[in-house]
Amino acid sequence: MNEKVEKIIEQIRPSLQADGGDVELVGIKDGVVSVRLTGACGCCPMSTMTLKNGIERMLKSKLPEVKEVVSV
């Protein structure tokens, strides 16, 4: 599952990098994907929306086994 999630994150990454940020996969446990938002995304007030409306939505639509995405 890690490889599948990484491939999807690679599709999302250019959009985040365009705004000066990035995302890295920390781990996956029981369908919960833990990521770390870095750069501009790490301190952006909109990071929760990026996480839930962007990253989580994309992962859940492509991988039904993903239950939630959390930032660590």
PDB file of N, CA and C in Angstrom:
ATOM      1  N   MET A   1       0.830  -1.202   0.000  1.00  0.00           N
ATOM      2  CA  MET A   1       0.000   0.000   0.000  1.00  0.00           C
ATOM      3  C   MET A   1       0.873   1.264   0.000  1.00  0.00           C
ATOM      4  N   ASN A   2       2.035   1.183   0.658  1.00  0.00           N
ATOM      5  CA  ASN A   2       2.923   2.353   0.682  1.00  0.00           C
ATOM      6  C   ASN A   2       3.255   2.830  -0.724  1.00  0.00           C
ATOM      7  N   GLU A   3       3.552   1.892  -1.609  1.00  0.00           N
ATOM      8  CA  GLU A   3       3.917   2.256  -2.981  1.00  0.00           C
ATOM      9  C   GLU A   3       2.757   2.939  -3.701  1.00  0.00           C
ATOM     10  N   LYS A   4       1.545   2.442  -3.497  1.00  0.00           N
ATOM     11  CA  LYS A   4       0.370   3.041  -4.136  1.00  0.00           C
ATOM     12  C   LYS A   4       0.169   4.473  -3.649  1.00  0.00           C
ATOM     13  N   VAL A   5       0.291   4.661  -2.343  1.00  0.00           N
ATOM     14  CA  VAL A   5       0.116   6.000  -1.764  1.00  0.00           C
ATOM     15  C   VAL A   5       1.208   6.937  -2.273  1.00  0.00           C
ATOM     16  N   GLU A   6       2.452   6.454  -2.311  1.00  0.00           N
ATOM     17  CA  GLU A   6       3.564   7.276  -2.803  1.00  0.00           C
ATOM     18  C   GLU A   6       3.329   7.725  -4.242  1.00  0.00           C
ATOM     19  N   LYS A   7       2.805   6.838  -5.082  1.00  0.00           N
ATOM     20  CA  LYS A   7       2.543   7.197  -6.481  1.00  0.00           C
ATOM     21  C   LYS A   7       1.514   8.314  -6.586  1.00  0.00           C
ATOM     22  N   ILE A   8       0.497   8.260  -5.752  1.00  0.00           N
ATOM     23  CA  ILE A   8      -0.529   9.305  -5.768  1.00  0.00           C
ATOM     24  C   ILE A   8       0.032  10.608  -5.215  1.00  0.00           C
ATOM     25  N   ILE A   9       0.839  10.512  -4.164  1.00  0.00           N
ATOM     26  CA  ILE A   9       1.478  11.711  -3.607  1.00  0.00           C
ATOM     27  C   ILE A   9       2.370  12.369  -4.653  1.00  0.00           C
ATOM     28  N   GLU A  10       3.039  11.568  -5.466  1.00  0.00           N
ATOM     29  CA  GLU A  10       3.885  12.112  -6.532  1.00  0.00           C
ATOM     30  C   GLU A  10       3.064  12.934  -7.531  1.00  0.00           C
ATOM     31  N   GLN A  11       1.800  12.578  -7.717  1.00  0.00           N
ATOM     32  CA  GLN A  11       0.922  13.329  -8.616  1.00  0.00           C
ATOM     33  C   GLN A  11       0.501  14.655  -7.981  1.00  0.00           C
ATOM     34  N   ILE A  12       0.370  14.671  -6.667  1.00  0.00           N
ATOM     35  CA  ILE A  12      -0.066  15.858  -5.928  1.00  0.00           C
ATOM     36  C   ILE A  12       1.094  16.826  -5.705  1.00  0.00           C
ATOM     37  N   ARG A  13       2.278  16.283  -5.495  1.00  0.00           N
ATOM     38  CA  ARG A  13       3.462  17.058  -5.100  1.00  0.00           C
ATOM     39  C   ARG A  13       3.736  18.295  -5.961  1.00  0.00           C
ATOM     40  N   PRO A  14       3.673  18.227  -7.298  1.00  0.00           N
ATOM     41  CA  PRO A  14       3.995  19.428  -8.095  1.00  0.00           C
ATOM     42  C   PRO A  14       3.123  20.641  -7.754  1.00  0.00           C
ATOM     43  N   SER A  15       1.863  20.417  -7.445  1.00  0.00           N
ATOM     44  CA  SER A  15       0.975  21.529  -7.071  1.00  0.00           C
ATOM     45  C   SER A  15       1.427  22.175  -5.773  1.00  0.00           C
ATOM     46  N   LEU A  16       1.821  21.359  -4.810  1.00  0.00           N
ATOM     47  CA  LEU A  16       2.294  21.888  -3.533  1.00  0.00           C
ATOM     48  C   LEU A  16       3.625  22.605  -3.701  1.00  0.00           C
ATOM     49  N   GLN A  17       4.510  22.026  -4.499  1.00  0.00           N
ATOM     50  CA  GLN A  17       5.819  22.631  -4.711  1.00  0.00           C
ATOM     51  C   GLN A  17       5.713  23.957  -5.448  1.00  0.00           C
ATOM     52  N   ALA A  18       4.718  24.094  -6.284  1.00  0.00           N
ATOM     53  CA  ALA A  18       4.509  25.358  -7.002  1.00  0.00           C
ATOM     54  C   ALA A  18       4.221  26.496  -6.028  1.00  0.00           C
ATOM     55  N   ASP A  19       3.669  26.165  -4.860  1.00  0.00           N
ATOM     56  CA  ASP A  19       3.373  27.169  -3.837  1.00  0.00           C
ATOM     57  C   ASP A  19       4.433  27.215  -2.744  1.00  0.00           C
ATOM     58  N   GLY A  20       5.552  26.521  -2.956  1.00  0.00           N
ATOM     59  CA  GLY A  20       6.641  26.554  -1.989  1.00  0.00           C
ATOM     60  C   GLY A  20       6.554  25.528  -0.884  1.00  0.00           C
ATOM     61  N   GLY A  21       5.692  24.540  -1.050  1.00  0.00           N
ATOM     62  CA  GLY A  21       5.532  23.516  -0.021  1.00  0.00           C
ATOM     63  C   GLY A  21       5.833  22.131  -0.543  1.00  0.00           C
ATOM     64  N   ASP A  22       5.558  21.146   0.275  1.00  0.00           N
ATOM     65  CA  ASP A  22       5.757  19.762  -0.116  1.00  0.00           C
ATOM     66  C   ASP A  22       5.021  18.872   0.876  1.00  0.00           C
ATOM     67  N   VAL A  23       4.965  17.589   0.566  1.00  0.00           N
ATOM     68  CA  VAL A  23       4.340  16.610   1.444  1.00  0.00           C
ATOM     69  C   VAL A  23       5.197  15.357   1.430  1.00  0.00           C
ATOM     70  N   GLU A  24       5.317  14.730   2.596  1.00  0.00           N
ATOM     71  CA  GLU A  24       6.041  13.467   2.661  1.00  0.00           C
ATOM     72  C   GLU A  24       5.213  12.450   3.437  1.00  0.00           C
ATOM     73  N   LEU A  25       5.272  11.217   2.983  1.00  0.00           N
ATOM     74  CA  LEU A  25       4.567  10.126   3.644  1.00  0.00           C
ATOM     75  C   LEU A  25       5.344   9.721   4.880  1.00  0.00           C
ATOM     76  N   VAL A  26       4.674   9.701   6.025  1.00  0.00           N
ATOM     77  CA  VAL A  26       5.301   9.294   7.278  1.00  0.00           C
ATOM     78  C   VAL A  26       5.005   7.823   7.550  1.00  0.00           C
ATOM     79  N   GLY A  27       3.745   7.408   7.336  1.00  0.00           N
ATOM     80  CA  GLY A  27       3.387   6.016   7.576  1.00  0.00           C
ATOM     81  C   GLY A  27       1.923   5.760   7.312  1.00  0.00           C
ATOM     82  N   ILE A  28       1.576   4.477   7.336  1.00  0.00           N
ATOM     83  CA  ILE A  28       0.194   4.054   7.132  1.00  0.00           C
ATOM     84  C   ILE A  28      -0.113   2.985   8.165  1.00  0.00           C
ATOM     85  N   LYS A  29      -1.227   3.147   8.867  1.00  0.00           N
ATOM     86  CA  LYS A  29      -1.636   2.149   9.848  1.00  0.00           C
ATOM     87  C   LYS A  29      -3.152   2.076   9.885  1.00  0.00           C
ATOM     88  N   ASP A  30      -3.683   0.895   9.660  1.00  0.00           N
ATOM     89  CA  ASP A  30      -5.129   0.649   9.715  1.00  0.00           C
ATOM     90  C   ASP A  30      -5.918   1.602   8.825  1.00  0.00           C
ATOM     91  N   GLY A  31      -5.412   1.891   7.639  1.00  0.00           N
ATOM     92  CA  GLY A  31      -6.106   2.746   6.695  1.00  0.00           C
ATOM     93  C   GLY A  31      -5.940   4.234   6.931  1.00  0.00           C
ATOM     94  N   VAL A  32      -5.174   4.600   7.954  1.00  0.00           N
ATOM     95  CA  VAL A  32      -4.911   6.009   8.250  1.00  0.00           C
ATOM     96  C   VAL A  32      -3.520   6.356   7.722  1.00  0.00           C
ATOM     97  N   VAL A  33      -3.483   7.307   6.803  1.00  0.00           N
ATOM     98  CA  VAL A  33      -2.228   7.734   6.185  1.00  0.00           C
ATOM     99  C   VAL A  33      -1.729   8.966   6.923  1.00  0.00           C
ATOM    100  N   SER A  34      -0.493   8.876   7.430  1.00  0.00           N
ATOM    101  CA  SER A  34       0.128  10.005   8.120  1.00  0.00           C
ATOM    102  C   SER A  34       1.110  10.678   7.173  1.00  0.00           C
ATOM    103  N   VAL A  35       0.964  11.987   7.026  1.00  0.00           N
ATOM    104  CA  VAL A  35       1.849  12.760   6.163  1.00  0.00           C
ATOM    105  C   VAL A  35       2.389  13.955   6.929  1.00  0.00           C
ATOM    106  N   ARG A  36       3.463  14.506   6.408  1.00  0.00           N
ATOM    107  CA  ARG A  36       4.025  15.734   6.971  1.00  0.00           C
ATOM    108  C   ARG A  36       4.043  16.780   5.867  1.00  0.00           C
ATOM    109  N   LEU A  37       3.371  17.888   6.120  1.00  0.00           N
ATOM    110  CA  LEU A  37       3.408  19.014   5.197  1.00  0.00           C
ATOM    111  C   LEU A  37       4.629  19.854   5.551  1.00  0.00           C
ATOM    112  N   THR A  38       5.432  20.194   4.547  1.00  0.00           N
ATOM    113  CA  THR A  38       6.665  20.924   4.797  1.00  0.00           C
ATOM    114  C   THR A  38       6.710  22.207   3.975  1.00  0.00           C
ATOM    115  N   GLY A  39       7.731  23.010   4.226  1.00  0.00           N
ATOM    116  CA  GLY A  39       7.880  24.270   3.506  1.00  0.00           C
ATOM    117  C   GLY A  39       6.726  25.200   3.813  1.00  0.00           C
ATOM    118  N   ALA A  40       6.270  25.901   2.808  1.00  0.00           N
ATOM    119  CA  ALA A  40       5.166  26.854   2.982  1.00  0.00           C
ATOM    120  C   ALA A  40       3.893  26.163   3.455  1.00  0.00           C
ATOM    121  N   CYS A  41       3.717  24.888   3.092  1.00  0.00           N
ATOM    122  CA  CYS A  41       2.508  24.157   3.492  1.00  0.00           C
ATOM    123  C   CYS A  41       2.500  23.840   4.984  1.00  0.00           C
ATOM    124  N   GLY A  42       3.675  23.760   5.591  1.00  0.00           N
ATOM    125  CA  GLY A  42       3.760  23.409   7.002  1.00  0.00           C
ATOM    126  C   GLY A  42       3.192  24.462   7.927  1.00  0.00           C
ATOM    127  N   CYS A  43       3.226  25.717   7.508  1.00  0.00           N
ATOM    128  CA  CYS A  43       2.756  26.789   8.388  1.00  0.00           C
ATOM    129  C   CYS A  43       1.602  27.585   7.774  1.00  0.00           C
ATOM    130  N   CYS A  44       1.095  27.134   6.674  1.00  0.00           N
ATOM    131  CA  CYS A  44       0.014  27.847   5.989  1.00  0.00           C
ATOM    132  C   CYS A  44      -1.305  27.666   6.735  1.00  0.00           C
ATOM    133  N   PRO A  45      -2.076  28.741   6.892  1.00  0.00           N
ATOM    134  CA  PRO A  45      -3.372  28.621   7.552  1.00  0.00           C
ATOM    135  C   PRO A  45      -4.366  27.759   6.762  1.00  0.00           C
ATOM    136  N   MET A  46      -4.100  27.551   5.489  1.00  0.00           N
ATOM    137  CA  MET A  46      -4.986  26.735   4.655  1.00  0.00           C
ATOM    138  C   MET A  46      -4.539  25.272   4.600  1.00  0.00           C
ATOM    139  N   SER A  47      -3.533  24.897   5.388  1.00  0.00           N
ATOM    140  CA  SER A  47      -2.983  23.543   5.302  1.00  0.00           C
ATOM    141  C   SER A  47      -4.015  22.460   5.625  1.00  0.00           C
ATOM    142  N   THR A  48      -4.946  22.730   6.518  1.00  0.00           N
ATOM    143  CA  THR A  48      -5.980  21.743   6.832  1.00  0.00           C
ATOM    144  C   THR A  48      -6.856  21.489   5.617  1.00  0.00           C
ATOM    145  N   MET A  49      -7.195  22.548   4.894  1.00  0.00           N
ATOM    146  CA  MET A  49      -7.994  22.382   3.678  1.00  0.00           C
ATOM    147  C   MET A  49      -7.200  21.630   2.616  1.00  0.00           C
ATOM    148  N   THR A  50      -5.912  21.935   2.492  1.00  0.00           N
ATOM    149  CA  THR A  50      -5.057  21.225   1.538  1.00  0.00           C
ATOM    150  C   THR A  50      -5.025  19.751   1.885  1.00  0.00           C
ATOM    151  N   LEU A  51      -4.892  19.461   3.163  1.00  0.00           N
ATOM    152  CA  LEU A  51      -4.813  18.075   3.626  1.00  0.00           C
ATOM    153  C   LEU A  51      -6.113  17.327   3.358  1.00  0.00           C
ATOM    154  N   LYS A  52      -7.232  17.885   3.787  1.00  0.00           N
ATOM    155  CA  LYS A  52      -8.513  17.178   3.691  1.00  0.00           C
ATOM    156  C   LYS A  52      -9.138  17.263   2.292  1.00  0.00           C
ATOM    157  N   ASN A  53      -9.193  18.457   1.713  1.00  0.00           N
ATOM    158  CA  ASN A  53      -9.864  18.632   0.421  1.00  0.00           C
ATOM    159  C   ASN A  53      -8.985  18.253  -0.763  1.00  0.00           C
ATOM    160  N   GLY A  54      -7.692  18.204  -0.557  1.00  0.00           N
ATOM    161  CA  GLY A  54      -6.786  17.871  -1.648  1.00  0.00           C
ATOM    162  C   GLY A  54      -6.224  16.470  -1.515  1.00  0.00           C
ATOM    163  N   ILE A  55      -5.325  16.300  -0.565  1.00  0.00           N
ATOM    164  CA  ILE A  55      -4.601  15.040  -0.416  1.00  0.00           C
ATOM    165  C   ILE A  55      -5.536  13.897  -0.025  1.00  0.00           C
ATOM    166  N   GLU A  56      -6.329  14.089   1.021  1.00  0.00           N
ATOM    167  CA  GLU A  56      -7.216  13.015   1.476  1.00  0.00           C
ATOM    168  C   GLU A  56      -8.246  12.650   0.408  1.00  0.00           C
ATOM    169  N   ARG A  57      -8.832  13.642  -0.211  1.00  0.00           N
ATOM    170  CA  ARG A  57      -9.848  13.382  -1.244  1.00  0.00           C
ATOM    171  C   ARG A  57      -9.262  12.558  -2.391  1.00  0.00           C
ATOM    172  N   MET A  58      -8.068  12.923  -2.830  1.00  0.00           N
ATOM    173  CA  MET A  58      -7.424  12.217  -3.939  1.00  0.00           C
ATOM    174  C   MET A  58      -7.079  10.776  -3.547  1.00  0.00           C
ATOM    175  N   LEU A  59      -6.505  10.613  -2.359  1.00  0.00           N
ATOM    176  CA  LEU A  59      -6.131   9.263  -1.927  1.00  0.00           C
ATOM    177  C   LEU A  59      -7.354   8.370  -1.757  1.00  0.00           C
ATOM    178  N   LYS A  60      -8.400   8.893  -1.135  1.00  0.00           N
ATOM    179  CA  LYS A  60      -9.608   8.090  -0.923  1.00  0.00           C
ATOM    180  C   LYS A  60     -10.297   7.732  -2.233  1.00  0.00           C
ATOM    181  N   SER A  61     -10.255   8.628  -3.209  1.00  0.00           N
ATOM    182  CA  SER A  61     -10.919   8.337  -4.481  1.00  0.00           C
ATOM    183  C   SER A  61     -10.179   7.251  -5.267  1.00  0.00           C
ATOM    184  N   LYS A  62      -8.881   7.155  -5.097  1.00  0.00           N
ATOM    185  CA  LYS A  62      -8.089   6.176  -5.838  1.00  0.00           C
ATOM    186  C   LYS A  62      -7.809   4.912  -5.042  1.00  0.00           C
ATOM    187  N   LEU A  63      -7.843   5.014  -3.721  1.00  0.00           N
ATOM    188  CA  LEU A  63      -7.579   3.874  -2.843  1.00  0.00           C
ATOM    189  C   LEU A  63      -8.670   3.792  -1.776  1.00  0.00           C
ATOM    190  N   PRO A  64      -9.712   3.019  -2.025  1.00  0.00           N
ATOM    191  CA  PRO A  64     -10.830   2.938  -1.072  1.00  0.00           C
ATOM    192  C   PRO A  64     -10.421   2.455   0.321  1.00  0.00           C
ATOM    193  N   GLU A  65      -9.282   1.782   0.431  1.00  0.00           N
ATOM    194  CA  GLU A  65      -8.832   1.292   1.732  1.00  0.00           C
ATOM    195  C   GLU A  65      -8.308   2.417   2.638  1.00  0.00           C
ATOM    196  N   VAL A  66      -8.089   3.604   2.074  1.00  0.00           N
ATOM    197  CA  VAL A  66      -7.669   4.750   2.870  1.00  0.00           C
ATOM    198  C   VAL A  66      -8.902   5.315   3.576  1.00  0.00           C
ATOM    199  N   LYS A  67      -8.826   5.372   4.922  1.00  0.00           N
ATOM    200  CA  LYS A  67      -9.947   5.869   5.722  1.00  0.00           C
ATOM    201  C   LYS A  67      -9.800   7.356   6.030  1.00  0.00           C
ATOM    202  N   GLU A  68      -8.557   7.791   6.235  1.00  0.00           N
ATOM    203  CA  GLU A  68      -8.320   9.172   6.656  1.00  0.00           C
ATOM    204  C   GLU A  68      -6.849   9.522   6.373  1.00  0.00           C
ATOM    205  N   VAL A  69      -6.594  10.809   6.212  1.00  0.00           N
ATOM    206  CA  VAL A  69      -5.230  11.315   6.103  1.00  0.00           C
ATOM    207  C   VAL A  69      -5.042  12.333   7.216  1.00  0.00           C
ATOM    208  N   VAL A  70      -3.970  12.153   7.985  1.00  0.00           N
ATOM    209  CA  VAL A  70      -3.693  13.058   9.097  1.00  0.00           C
ATOM    210  C   VAL A  70      -2.301  13.649   8.941  1.00  0.00           C
ATOM    211  N   SER A  71      -2.127  14.835   9.470  1.00  0.00           N
ATOM    212  CA  SER A  71      -0.834  15.509   9.459  1.00  0.00           C
ATOM    213  C   SER A  71      -0.137  15.273  10.784  1.00  0.00           C
ATOM    214  N   VAL A  72       1.143  14.961  10.719  1.00  0.00           N
ATOM    215  CA  VAL A  72       1.917  14.729  11.949  1.00  0.00           C
ATOM    216  C   VAL A  72       3.079  15.698  12.021  1.00  0.00           C
TER     217      VAL A  72
END
